[in-house]
Amino acid sequence: AERVQQKSAIAISRLCSDPVVAAQVVELQGVSR
């Protein structure tokens, strides 16, 4: 479960190099998590 959280956050970080994806994370309330 820890590795799922860590790898997911790593993937999100990498994907958020694209401003459109970063905005999608904000829109989906991912910042709060």
PDB file of all heavy atoms in Angstrom:
ATOM      1  N   ALA A   1       0.836  -1.202   0.000  1.00  0.00           N
ATOM      2  CA  ALA A   1       0.000   0.000   0.000  1.00  0.00           C
ATOM      3  C   ALA A   1       0.876   1.260   0.000  1.00  0.00           C
ATOM      4  O   ALA A   1       0.575   2.229  -0.697  1.00  0.00           O
ATOM      5  CB  ALA A   1      -0.946   0.001   1.200  1.00  0.00           C
ATOM      6  N   GLU A   2       1.948   1.247   0.768  1.00  0.00           N
ATOM      7  CA  GLU A   2       2.890   2.375   0.759  1.00  0.00           C
ATOM      8  C   GLU A   2       3.492   2.565  -0.622  1.00  0.00           C
ATOM      9  O   GLU A   2       3.609   3.697  -1.112  1.00  0.00           O
ATOM     10  CB  GLU A   2       4.035   2.135   1.749  1.00  0.00           C
ATOM     11  CG  GLU A   2       3.676   2.314   3.192  1.00  0.00           C
ATOM     12  CD  GLU A   2       4.849   1.978   4.098  1.00  0.00           C
ATOM     13  OE1 GLU A   2       6.017   2.192   3.700  1.00  0.00           O
ATOM     14  OE2 GLU A   2       4.597   1.471   5.206  1.00  0.00           O
ATOM     15  N   ARG A   3       3.877   1.456  -1.252  1.00  0.00           N
ATOM     16  CA  ARG A   3       4.483   1.547  -2.585  1.00  0.00           C
ATOM     17  C   ARG A   3       3.471   2.048  -3.612  1.00  0.00           C
ATOM     18  O   ARG A   3       3.833   2.783  -4.528  1.00  0.00           O
ATOM     19  CB  ARG A   3       5.075   0.202  -3.002  1.00  0.00           C
ATOM     20  CG  ARG A   3       6.316  -0.173  -2.198  1.00  0.00           C
ATOM     21  CD  ARG A   3       7.023  -1.386  -2.766  1.00  0.00           C
ATOM     22  NE  ARG A   3       6.223  -2.591  -2.779  1.00  0.00           N
ATOM     23  CZ  ARG A   3       6.121  -3.470  -1.784  1.00  0.00           C
ATOM     24  NH1 ARG A   3       6.812  -3.281  -0.672  1.00  0.00           N
ATOM     25  NH2 ARG A   3       5.362  -4.545  -1.897  1.00  0.00           N
ATOM     26  N   VAL A   4       2.203   1.678  -3.458  1.00  0.00           N
ATOM     27  CA  VAL A   4       1.169   2.184  -4.365  1.00  0.00           C
ATOM     28  C   VAL A   4       1.090   3.705  -4.247  1.00  0.00           C
ATOM     29  O   VAL A   4       1.059   4.416  -5.253  1.00  0.00           O
ATOM     30  CB  VAL A   4      -0.207   1.545  -4.070  1.00  0.00           C
ATOM     31  CG1 VAL A   4      -1.318   2.258  -4.825  1.00  0.00           C
ATOM     32  CG2 VAL A   4      -0.206   0.071  -4.411  1.00  0.00           C
ATOM     33  N   GLN A   5       1.056   4.208  -3.027  1.00  0.00           N
ATOM     34  CA  GLN A   5       1.002   5.658  -2.827  1.00  0.00           C
ATOM     35  C   GLN A   5       2.239   6.333  -3.411  1.00  0.00           C
ATOM     36  O   GLN A   5       2.132   7.341  -4.119  1.00  0.00           O
ATOM     37  CB  GLN A   5       0.893   5.991  -1.338  1.00  0.00           C
ATOM     38  CG  GLN A   5      -0.436   5.666  -0.726  1.00  0.00           C
ATOM     39  CD  GLN A   5      -0.480   5.974   0.765  1.00  0.00           C
ATOM     40  OE1 GLN A   5       0.558   5.987   1.452  1.00  0.00           O
ATOM     41  NE2 GLN A   5      -1.673   6.208   1.272  1.00  0.00           N
ATOM     42  N   GLN A   6       3.413   5.787  -3.126  1.00  0.00           N
ATOM     43  CA  GLN A   6       4.653   6.393  -3.585  1.00  0.00           C
ATOM     44  C   GLN A   6       4.743   6.393  -5.112  1.00  0.00           C
ATOM     45  O   GLN A   6       5.026   7.419  -5.728  1.00  0.00           O
ATOM     46  CB  GLN A   6       5.858   5.676  -2.979  1.00  0.00           C
ATOM     47  CG  GLN A   6       7.179   6.312  -3.370  1.00  0.00           C
ATOM     48  CD  GLN A   6       8.371   5.633  -2.720  1.00  0.00           C
ATOM     49  OE1 GLN A   6       8.264   4.551  -2.164  1.00  0.00           O
ATOM     50  NE2 GLN A   6       9.510   6.271  -2.796  1.00  0.00           N
ATOM     51  N   LYS A   7       4.508   5.258  -5.734  1.00  0.00           N
ATOM     52  CA  LYS A   7       4.607   5.159  -7.195  1.00  0.00           C
ATOM     53  C   LYS A   7       3.543   6.025  -7.864  1.00  0.00           C
ATOM     54  O   LYS A   7       3.794   6.628  -8.915  1.00  0.00           O
ATOM     55  CB  LYS A   7       4.478   3.708  -7.658  1.00  0.00           C
ATOM     56  CG  LYS A   7       5.615   2.822  -7.213  1.00  0.00           C
ATOM     57  CD  LYS A   7       6.922   3.236  -7.838  1.00  0.00           C
ATOM     58  CE  LYS A   7       8.020   2.268  -7.454  1.00  0.00           C
ATOM     59  NZ  LYS A   7       9.274   2.546  -8.129  1.00  0.00           N
ATOM     60  N   SER A   8       2.366   6.104  -7.280  1.00  0.00           N
ATOM     61  CA  SER A   8       1.310   6.945  -7.851  1.00  0.00           C
ATOM     62  C   SER A   8       1.708   8.405  -7.807  1.00  0.00           C
ATOM     63  O   SER A   8       1.524   9.137  -8.790  1.00  0.00           O
ATOM     64  CB  SER A   8      -0.008   6.726  -7.104  1.00  0.00           C
ATOM     65  OG  SER A   8      -0.441   5.392  -7.269  1.00  0.00           O
ATOM     66  N   ALA A   9       2.259   8.845  -6.689  1.00  0.00           N
ATOM     67  CA  ALA A   9       2.701  10.240  -6.577  1.00  0.00           C
ATOM     68  C   ALA A   9       3.859  10.529  -7.537  1.00  0.00           C
ATOM     69  O   ALA A   9       3.919  11.600  -8.143  1.00  0.00           O
ATOM     70  CB  ALA A   9       3.099  10.557  -5.138  1.00  0.00           C
ATOM     71  N   ILE A  10       4.755   9.572  -7.709  1.00  0.00           N
ATOM     72  CA  ILE A  10       5.857   9.739  -8.660  1.00  0.00           C
ATOM     73  C   ILE A  10       5.300   9.886 -10.079  1.00  0.00           C
ATOM     74  O   ILE A  10       5.719  10.773 -10.834  1.00  0.00           O
ATOM     75  CB  ILE A  10       6.843   8.552  -8.571  1.00  0.00           C
ATOM     76  CG1 ILE A  10       7.638   8.614  -7.265  1.00  0.00           C
ATOM     77  CG2 ILE A  10       7.780   8.516  -9.777  1.00  0.00           C
ATOM     78  CD1 ILE A  10       8.433   7.353  -6.952  1.00  0.00           C
ATOM     79  N   ALA A  11       4.374   9.031 -10.435  1.00  0.00           N
ATOM     80  CA  ALA A  11       3.776   9.096 -11.776  1.00  0.00           C
ATOM     81  C   ALA A  11       3.055  10.428 -11.977  1.00  0.00           C
ATOM     82  O   ALA A  11       3.181  11.058 -13.034  1.00  0.00           O
ATOM     83  CB  ALA A  11       2.824   7.925 -11.986  1.00  0.00           C
ATOM     84  N   ILE A  12       2.315  10.869 -10.971  1.00  0.00           N
ATOM     85  CA  ILE A  12       1.607  12.146 -11.070  1.00  0.00           C
ATOM     86  C   ILE A  12       2.607  13.280 -11.253  1.00  0.00           C
ATOM     87  O   ILE A  12       2.420  14.159 -12.098  1.00  0.00           O
ATOM     88  CB  ILE A  12       0.705  12.374  -9.842  1.00  0.00           C
ATOM     89  CG1 ILE A  12      -0.494  11.427  -9.900  1.00  0.00           C
ATOM     90  CG2 ILE A  12       0.252  13.828  -9.742  1.00  0.00           C
ATOM     91  CD1 ILE A  12      -1.316  11.364  -8.628  1.00  0.00           C
ATOM     92  N   SER A  13       3.682  13.253 -10.504  1.00  0.00           N
ATOM     93  CA  SER A  13       4.705  14.284 -10.633  1.00  0.00           C
ATOM     94  C   SER A  13       5.257  14.326 -12.051  1.00  0.00           C
ATOM     95  O   SER A  13       5.401  15.390 -12.659  1.00  0.00           O
ATOM     96  CB  SER A  13       5.829  14.028  -9.628  1.00  0.00           C
ATOM     97  OG  SER A  13       6.866  14.972  -9.790  1.00  0.00           O
ATOM     98  N   ARG A  14       5.563  13.175 -12.590  1.00  0.00           N
ATOM     99  CA  ARG A  14       6.115  13.114 -13.951  1.00  0.00           C
ATOM    100  C   ARG A  14       5.091  13.595 -14.979  1.00  0.00           C
ATOM    101  O   ARG A  14       5.428  14.333 -15.899  1.00  0.00           O
ATOM    102  CB  ARG A  14       6.566  11.691 -14.264  1.00  0.00           C
ATOM    103  CG  ARG A  14       7.798  11.296 -13.473  1.00  0.00           C
ATOM    104  CD  ARG A  14       8.153   9.839 -13.645  1.00  0.00           C
ATOM    105  NE  ARG A  14       9.397   9.533 -12.925  1.00  0.00           N
ATOM    106  CZ  ARG A  14       9.833   8.313 -12.702  1.00  0.00           C
ATOM    107  NH1 ARG A  14       9.154   7.266 -13.137  1.00  0.00           N
ATOM    108  NH2 ARG A  14      10.963   8.132 -12.041  1.00  0.00           N
ATOM    109  N   LEU A  15       3.857  13.176 -14.824  1.00  0.00           N
ATOM    110  CA  LEU A  15       2.816  13.577 -15.772  1.00  0.00           C
ATOM    111  C   LEU A  15       2.508  15.069 -15.682  1.00  0.00           C
ATOM    112  O   LEU A  15       2.123  15.691 -16.672  1.00  0.00           O
ATOM    113  CB  LEU A  15       1.541  12.762 -15.542  1.00  0.00           C
ATOM    114  CG  LEU A  15       1.628  11.288 -15.920  1.00  0.00           C
ATOM    115  CD1 LEU A  15       0.384  10.542 -15.450  1.00  0.00           C
ATOM    116  CD2 LEU A  15       1.826  11.116 -17.422  1.00  0.00           C
ATOM    117  N   CYS A  16       2.693  15.646 -14.505  1.00  0.00           N
ATOM    118  CA  CYS A  16       2.397  17.065 -14.306  1.00  0.00           C
ATOM    119  C   CYS A  16       3.459  17.982 -14.903  1.00  0.00           C
ATOM    120  O   CYS A  16       3.374  19.200 -14.759  1.00  0.00           O
ATOM    121  CB  CYS A  16       2.176  17.361 -12.824  1.00  0.00           C
ATOM    122  SG  CYS A  16       0.555  16.809 -12.258  1.00  0.00           S
ATOM    123  N   SER A  17       4.424  17.414 -15.601  1.00  0.00           N
ATOM    124  CA  SER A  17       5.324  18.245 -16.401  1.00  0.00           C
ATOM    125  C   SER A  17       4.520  18.955 -17.480  1.00  0.00           C
ATOM    126  O   SER A  17       4.921  20.004 -17.976  1.00  0.00           O
ATOM    127  CB  SER A  17       6.417  17.382 -17.050  1.00  0.00           C
ATOM    128  OG  SER A  17       7.247  16.845 -16.060  1.00  0.00           O
ATOM    129  N   ASP A  18       3.402  18.362 -17.848  1.00  0.00           N
ATOM    130  CA  ASP A  18       2.485  18.955 -18.822  1.00  0.00           C
ATOM    131  C   ASP A  18       1.486  19.826 -18.045  1.00  0.00           C
ATOM    132  O   ASP A  18       0.753  19.314 -17.186  1.00  0.00           O
ATOM    133  CB  ASP A  18       1.751  17.837 -19.562  1.00  0.00           C
ATOM    134  CG  ASP A  18       0.764  18.354 -20.594  1.00  0.00           C
ATOM    135  OD1 ASP A  18       0.407  19.557 -20.577  1.00  0.00           O
ATOM    136  OD2 ASP A  18       0.335  17.535 -21.422  1.00  0.00           O
ATOM    137  N   PRO A  19       1.441  21.122 -18.316  1.00  0.00           N
ATOM    138  CA  PRO A  19       0.516  22.002 -17.589  1.00  0.00           C
ATOM    139  C   PRO A  19      -0.950  21.586 -17.691  1.00  0.00           C
ATOM    140  O   PRO A  19      -1.714  21.800 -16.756  1.00  0.00           O
ATOM    141  CB  PRO A  19       0.739  23.373 -18.247  1.00  0.00           C
ATOM    142  CG  PRO A  19       2.100  23.298 -18.842  1.00  0.00           C
ATOM    143  CD  PRO A  19       2.303  21.864 -19.241  1.00  0.00           C
ATOM    144  N   VAL A  20      -1.347  20.964 -18.800  1.00  0.00           N
ATOM    145  CA  VAL A  20      -2.740  20.514 -18.957  1.00  0.00           C
ATOM    146  C   VAL A  20      -3.041  19.407 -17.947  1.00  0.00           C
ATOM    147  O   VAL A  20      -4.103  19.390 -17.322  1.00  0.00           O
ATOM    148  CB  VAL A  20      -3.002  20.047 -20.405  1.00  0.00           C
ATOM    149  CG1 VAL A  20      -4.373  19.412 -20.535  1.00  0.00           C
ATOM    150  CG2 VAL A  20      -2.834  21.202 -21.372  1.00  0.00           C
ATOM    151  N   VAL A  21      -2.101  18.492 -17.772  1.00  0.00           N
ATOM    152  CA  VAL A  21      -2.289  17.406 -16.809  1.00  0.00           C
ATOM    153  C   VAL A  21      -2.274  17.959 -15.391  1.00  0.00           C
ATOM    154  O   VAL A  21      -3.079  17.556 -14.545  1.00  0.00           O
ATOM    155  CB  VAL A  21      -1.218  16.304 -16.997  1.00  0.00           C
ATOM    156  CG1 VAL A  21      -1.363  15.231 -15.929  1.00  0.00           C
ATOM    157  CG2 VAL A  21      -1.329  15.692 -18.386  1.00  0.00           C
ATOM    158  N   ALA A  22      -1.366  18.895 -15.121  1.00  0.00           N
ATOM    159  CA  ALA A  22      -1.315  19.506 -13.786  1.00  0.00           C
ATOM    160  C   ALA A  22      -2.655  20.169 -13.458  1.00  0.00           C
ATOM    161  O   ALA A  22      -3.170  20.021 -12.344  1.00  0.00           O
ATOM    162  CB  ALA A  22      -0.175  20.516 -13.713  1.00  0.00           C
ATOM    163  N   ALA A  23      -3.229  20.866 -14.433  1.00  0.00           N
ATOM    164  CA  ALA A  23      -4.534  21.494 -14.222  1.00  0.00           C
ATOM    165  C   ALA A  23      -5.622  20.448 -13.983  1.00  0.00           C
ATOM    166  O   ALA A  23      -6.541  20.658 -13.188  1.00  0.00           O
ATOM    167  CB  ALA A  23      -4.896  22.373 -15.423  1.00  0.00           C
ATOM    168  N   GLN A  24      -5.496  19.305 -14.650  1.00  0.00           N
ATOM    169  CA  GLN A  24      -6.463  18.225 -14.455  1.00  0.00           C
ATOM    170  C   GLN A  24      -6.390  17.696 -13.025  1.00  0.00           C
ATOM    171  O   GLN A  24      -7.420  17.426 -12.407  1.00  0.00           O
ATOM    172  CB  GLN A  24      -6.182  17.104 -15.458  1.00  0.00           C
ATOM    173  CG  GLN A  24      -7.210  16.010 -15.464  1.00  0.00           C
ATOM    174  CD  GLN A  24      -6.881  14.919 -16.474  1.00  0.00           C
ATOM    175  OE1 GLN A  24      -5.729  14.680 -16.814  1.00  0.00           O
ATOM    176  NE2 GLN A  24      -7.899  14.230 -16.933  1.00  0.00           N
ATOM    177  N   VAL A  25      -5.193  17.564 -12.477  1.00  0.00           N
ATOM    178  CA  VAL A  25      -5.040  17.104 -11.091  1.00  0.00           C
ATOM    179  C   VAL A  25      -5.699  18.096 -10.137  1.00  0.00           C
ATOM    180  O   VAL A  25      -6.396  17.695  -9.197  1.00  0.00           O
ATOM    181  CB  VAL A  25      -3.549  16.891 -10.735  1.00  0.00           C
ATOM    182  CG1 VAL A  25      -3.378  16.600  -9.249  1.00  0.00           C
ATOM    183  CG2 VAL A  25      -2.956  15.767 -11.573  1.00  0.00           C
ATOM    184  N   VAL A  26      -5.508  19.386 -10.392  1.00  0.00           N
ATOM    185  CA  VAL A  26      -6.137  20.412  -9.551  1.00  0.00           C
ATOM    186  C   VAL A  26      -7.658  20.301  -9.655  1.00  0.00           C
ATOM    187  O   VAL A  26      -8.359  20.295  -8.642  1.00  0.00           O
ATOM    188  CB  VAL A  26      -5.661  21.825  -9.964  1.00  0.00           C
ATOM    189  CG1 VAL A  26      -6.467  22.902  -9.239  1.00  0.00           C
ATOM    190  CG2 VAL A  26      -4.171  21.984  -9.678  1.00  0.00           C
ATOM    191  N   GLU A  27      -8.157  20.176 -10.880  1.00  0.00           N
ATOM    192  CA  GLU A  27      -9.605  20.089 -11.111  1.00  0.00           C
ATOM    193  C   GLU A  27     -10.221  18.871 -10.429  1.00  0.00           C
ATOM    194  O   GLU A  27     -11.334  18.925  -9.919  1.00  0.00           O
ATOM    195  CB  GLU A  27      -9.867  20.021 -12.617  1.00  0.00           C
ATOM    196  CG  GLU A  27     -11.324  19.975 -12.990  1.00  0.00           C
ATOM    197  CD  GLU A  27     -11.503  19.877 -14.492  1.00  0.00           C
ATOM    198  OE1 GLU A  27     -10.785  20.569 -15.238  1.00  0.00           O
ATOM    199  OE2 GLU A  27     -12.370  19.094 -14.915  1.00  0.00           O
ATOM    200  N   LEU A  28      -9.480  17.767 -10.405  1.00  0.00           N
ATOM    201  CA  LEU A  28      -9.984  16.527  -9.804  1.00  0.00           C
ATOM    202  C   LEU A  28      -9.753  16.455  -8.288  1.00  0.00           C
ATOM    203  O   LEU A  28      -9.923  15.407  -7.681  1.00  0.00           O
ATOM    204  CB  LEU A  28      -9.332  15.320 -10.487  1.00  0.00           C
ATOM    205  CG  LEU A  28      -9.704  15.109 -11.946  1.00  0.00           C
ATOM    206  CD1 LEU A  28      -8.813  14.039 -12.583  1.00  0.00           C
ATOM    207  CD2 LEU A  28     -11.172  14.730 -12.065  1.00  0.00           C
ATOM    208  N   GLN A  29      -9.359  17.560  -7.689  1.00  0.00           N
ATOM    209  CA  GLN A  29      -9.136  17.656  -6.241  1.00  0.00           C
ATOM    210  C   GLN A  29      -7.960  16.802  -5.757  1.00  0.00           C
ATOM    211  O   GLN A  29      -7.912  16.405  -4.585  1.00  0.00           O
ATOM    212  CB  GLN A  29     -10.412  17.282  -5.462  1.00  0.00           C
ATOM    213  CG  GLN A  29     -11.652  18.054  -5.869  1.00  0.00           C
ATOM    214  CD  GLN A  29     -11.553  19.535  -5.580  1.00  0.00           C
ATOM    215  OE1 GLN A  29     -11.118  19.922  -4.514  1.00  0.00           O
ATOM    216  NE2 GLN A  29     -11.918  20.366  -6.539  1.00  0.00           N
ATOM    217  N   GLY A  30      -7.033  16.499  -6.655  1.00  0.00           N
ATOM    218  CA  GLY A  30      -5.874  15.691  -6.277  1.00  0.00           C
ATOM    219  C   GLY A  30      -4.927  16.401  -5.338  1.00  0.00           C
ATOM    220  O   GLY A  30      -4.233  15.758  -4.544  1.00  0.00           O
ATOM    221  N   VAL A  31      -4.916  17.723  -5.390  1.00  0.00           N
ATOM    222  CA  VAL A  31      -4.020  18.485  -4.522  1.00  0.00           C
ATOM    223  C   VAL A  31      -4.363  18.238  -3.057  1.00  0.00           C
ATOM    224  O   VAL A  31      -3.475  18.086  -2.218  1.00  0.00           O
ATOM    225  CB  VAL A  31      -4.050  19.988  -4.873  1.00  0.00           C
ATOM    226  CG1 VAL A  31      -3.269  20.812  -3.859  1.00  0.00           C
ATOM    227  CG2 VAL A  31      -3.496  20.217  -6.274  1.00  0.00           C
ATOM    228  N   SER A  32      -5.636  18.153  -2.744  1.00  0.00           N
ATOM    229  CA  SER A  32      -6.024  17.944  -1.338  1.00  0.00           C
ATOM    230  C   SER A  32      -5.518  16.598  -0.816  1.00  0.00           C
ATOM    231  O   SER A  32      -5.076  16.502   0.330  1.00  0.00           O
ATOM    232  CB  SER A  32      -7.533  18.073  -1.157  1.00  0.00           C
ATOM    233  OG  SER A  32      -8.201  17.067  -1.875  1.00  0.00           O
ATOM    234  N   ARG A  33      -5.562  15.558  -1.644  1.00  0.00           N
ATOM    235  CA  ARG A  33      -5.054  14.252  -1.197  1.00  0.00           C
ATOM    236  C   ARG A  33      -3.537  14.288  -1.042  1.00  0.00           C
ATOM    237  O   ARG A  33      -2.999  13.745  -0.076  1.00  0.00           O
ATOM    238  CB  ARG A  33      -5.475  13.148  -2.176  1.00  0.00           C
ATOM    239  CG  ARG A  33      -5.013  11.769  -1.756  1.00  0.00           C
ATOM    240  CD  ARG A  33      -5.605  11.338  -0.427  1.00  0.00           C
ATOM    241  NE  ARG A  33      -5.144  10.017  -0.055  1.00  0.00           N
ATOM    242  CZ  ARG A  33      -5.094   9.572   1.183  1.00  0.00           C
ATOM    243  NH1 ARG A  33      -5.520  10.313   2.192  1.00  0.00           N
ATOM    244  NH2 ARG A  33      -4.658   8.358   1.439  1.00  0.00           N
TER     245      ARG A  33
END
